[in-house]
Amino acid sequence: AEKPNVYHIILDEYTDNEILMKEFNYDNEKFLKFLNKNGFYVPNKSFSTWESTLDELSLILNMDYPQDKTEWAYESLNNNKVMSVFSDQGYSIIEINSMSRWENFSNVDTKLCYIGGFHSEFFDQVFGKSIIRYFLEQHHNDTRRDVIRCAFNELSEIASQSNGPKYVFSHIMIPHPPFLFGPNGENIKPAHREISGLQSWENPQGYINQLIYATNQVSIVVKNIVENDPTAVIILQGDTGTLTGTDTFLTTMKDVYQAHSILYAVRIPDVNNLESVMPVNTYRIIFNNYFNMNYEYLEQRIYADQNDVWVDITEKLREYRFD
């Protein structure tokens, strides 16, 4: 059979509908029905394994849990198994920049939306208390908006391009703070942010406004992919849950539950047995069904950082009821 094009879209800190309804008083059911209508399978509840983007991307793109958490570093992400397999299968690998500094993938053929600019922790410290800080923040805000808009635009157009097979990986830093967009995509000036690129997490309406914008844009992307590339495999997910509205030290099980609750939706045509679908198994399922590989499907494991020790909280999180 002809190899399908694969699109993986990660919306940073996009949480699931349970958290949106109970914590933010926002119902995302319309979007979930749209996904179902377009062939997506959306589990009732999905969790990230880790609380950080770097760790979760490493897990997803290496299809496995690390033997030693301390060894799970940038190199394992940049030289990940998933992109290596697609490269061996003759896929063209396209990566859309997210402004995340660790994404320097070794197997990428085409890089899109790499807009000029620099970010340095050293310069942040040097200029952090000077008038230059204001101009750096304005520049960083504008650049971040440009990258996000570019990413959605490229994803909307890429499905109409006939070259293939292709693997498209796009990690977009939204609805993650800083909150730079209103619900209709209008520019918003953050009420407060640090030069590092984050802002106060105490702005639930800012999070929802940015989530609405992201949802509208990714809906356009999905519609265009399905219409132009009907056999496409699409993975749409949050990397982690949102910390907006929590104690960012995650001192309670409620905060931990929210930090791990993610949107996770997969469209894998002609594959009906998806009981094992979860982030760590995403590519195991795809490779087994389309490349005749023989990966075992792993059990869900979820970890929390407790005093710099990673503790397995899988059963606790499954049993917990979010109030």
Protein backbone atom coordinates (compact mmCIF):
# COMPACT_ATOMS: atom_id res chain seq x y z
CA ALA A 1 0.00 0.00 0.00
CA GLU A 2 1.09 3.57 -0.60
CA LYS A 3 2.74 5.04 2.46
CA PRO A 4 0.54 7.69 4.10
CA ASN A 5 1.72 11.19 4.90
CA VAL A 6 1.98 11.72 8.65
CA TYR A 7 1.31 15.02 10.41
CA HIS A 8 2.10 15.46 14.09
CA ILE A 9 0.86 18.71 15.61
CA ILE A 10 1.67 19.46 19.25
CA LEU A 11 -0.05 22.44 20.84
CA ASP A 12 1.96 23.32 23.93
CA GLU A 13 -0.02 22.99 27.19
CA TYR A 14 -3.34 22.24 25.45
CA THR A 15 -5.37 20.52 28.16
CA ASP A 16 -8.40 18.24 27.91
CA ASN A 17 -12.08 19.07 28.19
CA GLU A 18 -12.46 17.90 31.79
CA ILE A 19 -9.99 20.53 32.98
CA LEU A 20 -11.40 23.18 30.65
CA MET A 21 -14.91 22.67 32.01
CA LYS A 22 -14.15 22.25 35.71
CA GLU A 23 -11.26 24.69 36.09
CA PHE A 24 -11.90 27.28 33.35
CA ASN A 25 -15.68 27.02 32.84
CA TYR A 26 -15.15 26.47 29.11
CA ASP A 27 -16.68 23.63 27.07
CA ASN A 28 -14.58 22.39 24.14
CA GLU A 29 -17.12 19.76 23.06
CA LYS A 30 -17.75 21.40 19.68
CA PHE A 31 -14.09 20.95 18.73
CA LEU A 32 -14.05 17.34 19.91
CA LYS A 33 -17.11 16.58 17.76
CA PHE A 34 -15.34 18.21 14.82
CA LEU A 35 -12.38 15.88 15.35
CA ASN A 36 -14.64 12.82 15.60
CA LYS A 37 -16.38 13.83 12.37
CA ASN A 38 -13.02 14.00 10.62
CA GLY A 39 -11.97 10.51 11.63
CA PHE A 40 -10.12 11.14 14.89
CA TYR A 41 -10.19 8.84 17.86
CA VAL A 42 -10.17 10.79 21.13
CA PRO A 43 -9.77 8.74 24.32
CA ASN A 44 -11.97 9.74 27.23
CA LYS A 45 -8.93 10.75 29.28
CA SER A 46 -5.29 11.16 28.33
CA PHE A 47 -2.26 11.99 30.45
CA SER A 48 1.28 13.02 29.69
CA THR A 49 3.95 10.88 31.32
CA TRP A 50 6.07 13.86 32.35
CA GLU A 51 5.40 17.42 33.45
CA SER A 52 7.96 19.03 31.13
CA THR A 53 8.00 19.48 27.37
CA LEU A 54 11.56 18.26 26.87
CA ASP A 55 10.92 14.99 28.68
CA GLU A 56 7.56 14.37 27.01
CA LEU A 57 8.84 15.03 23.48
CA SER A 58 11.74 12.68 24.15
CA LEU A 59 9.29 10.02 25.28
CA ILE A 60 7.02 10.45 22.24
CA LEU A 61 9.77 10.56 19.63
CA ASN A 62 11.70 7.65 21.12
CA MET A 63 8.56 5.54 21.75
CA ASP A 64 9.81 4.40 25.13
CA TYR A 65 10.40 5.24 28.76
CA PRO A 66 14.02 6.01 29.71
CA GLN A 67 15.93 3.39 31.64
CA ASP A 68 17.50 6.17 33.66
CA LYS A 69 15.75 9.55 33.86
CA THR A 70 19.06 11.38 34.23
CA GLU A 71 20.14 10.12 30.80
CA TRP A 72 17.06 11.49 29.05
CA ALA A 73 18.76 14.54 27.52
CA TYR A 74 18.79 16.79 24.46
CA GLU A 75 20.76 14.29 22.39
CA SER A 76 18.09 11.61 22.66
CA LEU A 77 15.53 14.09 21.36
CA ASN A 78 17.61 15.48 18.52
CA ASN A 79 18.62 11.99 17.36
CA ASN A 80 15.26 10.39 18.04
CA LYS A 81 14.08 6.99 16.78
CA VAL A 82 10.88 8.18 15.10
CA MET A 83 12.51 10.52 12.62
CA SER A 84 15.21 7.93 11.99
CA VAL A 85 12.57 5.33 11.05
CA PHE A 86 10.75 7.74 8.74
CA SER A 87 14.04 8.63 7.09
CA ASP A 88 14.85 4.95 6.55
CA GLN A 89 11.38 4.48 5.02
CA GLY A 90 12.10 7.15 2.40
CA TYR A 91 10.04 9.93 3.95
CA SER A 92 10.83 13.60 3.53
CA ILE A 93 10.94 15.04 7.05
CA ILE A 94 9.62 18.55 7.54
CA GLU A 95 9.91 20.38 10.85
CA ILE A 96 8.18 23.62 11.71
CA ASN A 97 10.04 25.75 14.23
CA SER A 98 8.47 26.42 17.62
CA MET A 99 11.19 28.65 19.10
CA SER A 100 12.16 25.81 21.45
CA ARG A 101 15.91 25.83 21.75
CA TRP A 102 16.39 22.04 21.99
CA GLU A 103 14.88 21.22 18.59
CA ASN A 104 17.88 20.63 16.36
CA PHE A 105 16.76 17.36 14.82
CA SER A 106 19.43 15.52 12.86
CA ASN A 107 17.15 13.86 10.27
CA VAL A 108 15.14 16.90 9.17
CA ASP A 109 15.17 17.65 5.43
CA THR A 110 13.19 20.90 5.45
CA LYS A 111 12.87 23.52 8.19
CA LEU A 112 10.02 26.03 8.02
CA CYS A 113 9.23 29.18 9.99
CA TYR A 114 12.74 29.71 11.31
CA ILE A 115 12.34 33.44 11.70
CA GLY A 116 15.45 35.44 12.57
CA GLY A 117 16.24 36.49 16.11
CA PHE A 118 18.20 35.29 19.09
CA HIS A 119 17.53 34.33 22.66
CA SER A 120 20.25 34.13 25.28
CA GLU A 121 20.01 33.62 29.02
CA PHE A 122 23.25 35.61 29.39
CA PHE A 123 21.81 38.65 27.64
CA ASP A 124 18.58 38.24 29.60
CA GLN A 125 20.56 38.70 32.80
CA VAL A 126 22.67 41.57 31.44
CA PHE A 127 19.77 43.58 30.04
CA GLY A 128 17.09 42.39 32.46
CA LYS A 129 17.18 45.54 34.58
CA SER A 130 17.88 48.09 31.86
CA ILE A 131 15.66 50.05 29.47
CA ILE A 132 16.81 47.66 26.73
CA ARG A 133 14.65 45.02 28.40
CA TYR A 134 11.49 46.68 27.11
CA PHE A 135 12.65 46.60 23.49
CA LEU A 136 13.86 43.02 23.78
CA GLU A 137 10.49 41.95 25.13
CA GLN A 138 8.64 43.72 22.31
CA HIS A 139 10.89 42.08 19.73
CA HIS A 140 10.49 38.66 21.35
CA ASN A 141 6.69 39.03 21.45
CA ASP A 142 6.53 40.01 17.79
CA THR A 143 8.85 37.20 16.74
CA ARG A 144 6.86 34.62 18.70
CA ARG A 145 3.61 35.77 17.07
CA ASP A 146 5.21 35.59 13.63
CA VAL A 147 6.45 32.04 14.21
CA ILE A 148 3.05 30.83 15.45
CA ARG A 149 1.16 32.42 12.55
CA CYS A 150 3.72 31.05 10.12
CA ALA A 151 3.32 27.54 11.57
CA PHE A 152 -0.46 27.49 11.15
CA ASN A 153 -0.17 28.93 7.65
CA GLU A 154 2.41 26.34 6.53
CA LEU A 155 0.39 23.48 8.02
CA SER A 156 -2.70 24.68 6.15
CA GLU A 157 -0.89 24.72 2.81
CA ILE A 158 1.45 21.75 3.08
CA ALA A 159 -1.22 19.09 2.50
CA SER A 160 -1.93 20.43 -1.00
CA GLN A 161 1.68 19.83 -2.03
CA SER A 162 1.94 16.58 -3.97
CA ASN A 163 5.44 15.48 -2.97
CA GLY A 164 5.55 12.52 -0.63
CA PRO A 165 5.69 10.50 1.41
CA LYS A 166 6.29 13.15 4.07
CA TYR A 167 6.44 13.37 7.82
CA VAL A 168 5.54 16.78 9.23
CA PHE A 169 6.38 17.59 12.84
CA SER A 170 5.12 20.84 14.29
CA HIS A 171 5.40 21.77 17.96
CA ILE A 172 3.63 25.12 18.37
CA MET A 173 4.12 27.17 21.55
CA ILE A 174 0.45 27.90 22.09
CA PRO A 175 -1.75 28.12 24.23
CA HIS A 176 1.34 28.17 26.48
CA PRO A 177 2.08 31.65 27.91
CA PRO A 178 2.93 34.40 27.22
CA PHE A 179 -0.63 35.23 26.16
CA LEU A 180 -0.05 37.16 22.95
CA PHE A 181 -3.29 36.43 21.07
CA GLY A 182 -6.93 37.21 21.68
CA PRO A 183 -9.62 34.67 20.69
CA ASN A 184 -9.80 36.06 17.15
CA GLY A 185 -6.02 36.18 16.69
CA GLU A 186 -5.66 39.86 17.58
CA ASN A 187 -2.41 40.97 19.17
CA ILE A 188 -2.51 41.14 22.97
CA LYS A 189 0.15 42.76 25.12
CA PRO A 190 0.91 40.54 28.12
CA ALA A 191 0.06 42.11 31.45
CA HIS A 192 3.26 40.71 32.87
CA ARG A 193 6.03 38.49 31.60
CA GLU A 194 9.62 37.68 32.25
CA ILE A 195 12.25 38.17 29.58
CA SER A 196 12.64 34.38 29.45
CA GLY A 197 9.35 34.18 27.55
CA LEU A 198 6.95 33.24 30.35
CA GLN A 199 4.48 35.34 32.23
CA SER A 200 2.32 35.09 35.31
CA TRP A 201 0.26 31.89 35.34
CA GLU A 202 -2.61 33.68 37.08
CA ASN A 203 -4.55 34.63 33.95
CA PRO A 204 -7.14 31.94 33.17
CA GLN A 205 -9.03 34.11 30.66
CA GLY A 206 -5.78 34.79 28.82
CA TYR A 207 -5.25 31.04 28.55
CA ILE A 208 -8.77 30.40 27.26
CA ASN A 209 -8.57 33.24 24.72
CA GLN A 210 -5.33 31.84 23.35
CA LEU A 211 -6.73 28.29 23.37
CA ILE A 212 -9.74 29.47 21.33
CA TYR A 213 -7.43 31.04 18.78
CA ALA A 214 -5.30 27.88 18.59
CA THR A 215 -8.43 25.73 18.24
CA ASN A 216 -9.80 27.83 15.39
CA GLN A 217 -6.47 27.73 13.55
CA VAL A 218 -5.85 24.02 13.98
CA SER A 219 -9.43 23.32 12.84
CA ILE A 220 -8.60 25.02 9.55
CA VAL A 221 -5.41 22.97 9.33
CA VAL A 222 -7.22 19.67 9.96
CA LYS A 223 -9.95 20.51 7.44
CA ASN A 224 -7.37 21.30 4.75
CA ILE A 225 -5.34 18.16 5.43
CA VAL A 226 -8.36 15.86 5.35
CA GLU A 227 -9.72 17.42 2.14
CA ASN A 228 -6.39 17.39 0.29
CA ASP A 229 -4.83 14.27 1.81
CA PRO A 230 -7.67 11.92 2.86
CA THR A 231 -5.38 8.99 3.74
CA ALA A 232 -3.25 11.14 6.04
CA VAL A 233 -2.32 10.08 9.55
CA ILE A 234 -2.75 13.00 11.94
CA ILE A 235 -1.69 13.20 15.58
CA LEU A 236 -2.99 16.23 17.47
CA GLN A 237 -2.11 16.66 21.11
CA GLY A 238 -0.93 18.77 23.98
CA ASP A 239 2.54 17.93 25.24
CA THR A 240 1.59 18.50 28.88
CA GLY A 241 -1.38 19.95 30.69
CA THR A 242 -1.57 23.61 31.63
CA LEU A 243 -0.10 25.15 34.78
CA THR A 244 -2.33 28.21 34.46
CA GLY A 245 -4.32 28.54 37.66
CA THR A 246 -2.16 26.09 39.61
CA ASP A 247 0.56 26.35 42.18
CA THR A 248 3.44 25.87 39.75
CA PHE A 249 5.30 23.84 42.38
CA LEU A 250 2.50 21.26 42.01
CA THR A 251 2.10 20.71 45.73
CA THR A 252 -1.36 19.08 45.53
CA MET A 253 -2.67 16.07 43.60
CA LYS A 254 -5.21 18.36 41.98
CA ASP A 255 -2.44 20.48 40.47
CA VAL A 256 -0.50 17.38 39.40
CA TYR A 257 -3.64 15.96 37.76
CA GLN A 258 -4.15 19.19 35.81
CA ALA A 259 -0.47 19.36 34.82
CA HIS A 260 -0.70 15.91 33.19
CA SER A 261 -4.17 16.19 31.57
CA ILE A 262 -3.83 16.66 27.81
CA LEU A 263 -5.74 16.82 24.58
CA TYR A 264 -4.81 13.69 22.63
CA ALA A 265 -6.46 12.79 19.32
CA VAL A 266 -5.27 10.46 16.58
CA ARG A 267 -6.47 9.90 13.03
CA ILE A 268 -5.09 6.59 11.74
CA PRO A 269 -7.18 5.47 8.75
CA ASP A 270 -8.07 1.77 8.50
CA VAL A 271 -6.77 1.04 12.01
CA ASN A 272 -9.61 0.23 14.39
CA ASN A 273 -7.86 -1.46 17.31
CA LEU A 274 -6.76 1.60 19.27
CA GLU A 275 -7.21 0.44 22.85
CA SER A 276 -3.47 0.87 23.44
CA VAL A 277 -3.30 4.37 22.00
CA MET A 278 -1.41 6.82 24.21
CA PRO A 279 1.55 9.12 23.57
CA VAL A 280 4.26 6.50 24.18
CA ASN A 281 2.55 4.06 21.78
CA THR A 282 1.60 6.49 19.02
CA TYR A 283 4.38 5.56 16.64
CA ARG A 284 4.48 1.93 17.71
CA ILE A 285 0.92 1.65 16.37
CA ILE A 286 1.71 3.60 13.18
CA PHE A 287 4.89 1.66 12.42
CA ASN A 288 3.28 -1.73 13.12
CA ASN A 289 0.32 -1.06 10.86
CA TYR A 290 1.98 0.77 7.98
CA PHE A 291 5.59 -0.50 7.98
CA ASN A 292 4.95 -4.10 9.12
CA MET A 293 7.04 -3.66 12.24
CA ASN A 294 6.50 -5.60 15.43
CA TYR A 295 6.66 -3.26 18.39
CA GLU A 296 5.03 -4.30 21.64
CA TYR A 297 2.51 -1.87 23.10
CA LEU A 298 3.56 -0.42 26.45
CA GLU A 299 1.50 0.20 29.56
CA GLN A 300 0.83 3.77 30.67
CA ARG A 301 3.30 5.16 33.20
CA ILE A 302 3.05 8.62 34.74
CA TYR A 303 5.66 10.31 36.90
CA ALA A 304 5.72 13.29 39.26
CA ASP A 305 8.69 15.21 40.58
CA GLN A 306 8.68 14.94 44.38
CA ASN A 307 11.70 16.65 45.94
CA ASP A 308 13.82 15.98 42.84
CA VAL A 309 12.83 12.30 42.84
CA TRP A 310 10.65 10.94 40.04
CA VAL A 311 7.80 8.93 41.56
CA ASP A 312 5.40 6.66 39.66
CA ILE A 313 1.90 8.08 40.23
CA THR A 314 0.06 6.16 37.49
CA GLU A 315 -2.52 4.49 39.73
CA LYS A 316 -3.02 7.54 41.94
CA LEU A 317 -3.78 9.72 38.93
CA ARG A 318 -6.17 7.20 37.41
CA GLU A 319 -8.09 6.90 40.67
CA TYR A 320 -8.13 10.63 41.43
CA ARG A 321 -11.37 12.58 40.89
CA PHE A 322 -10.84 16.19 39.88
CA ASP A 323 -13.19 18.53 41.79
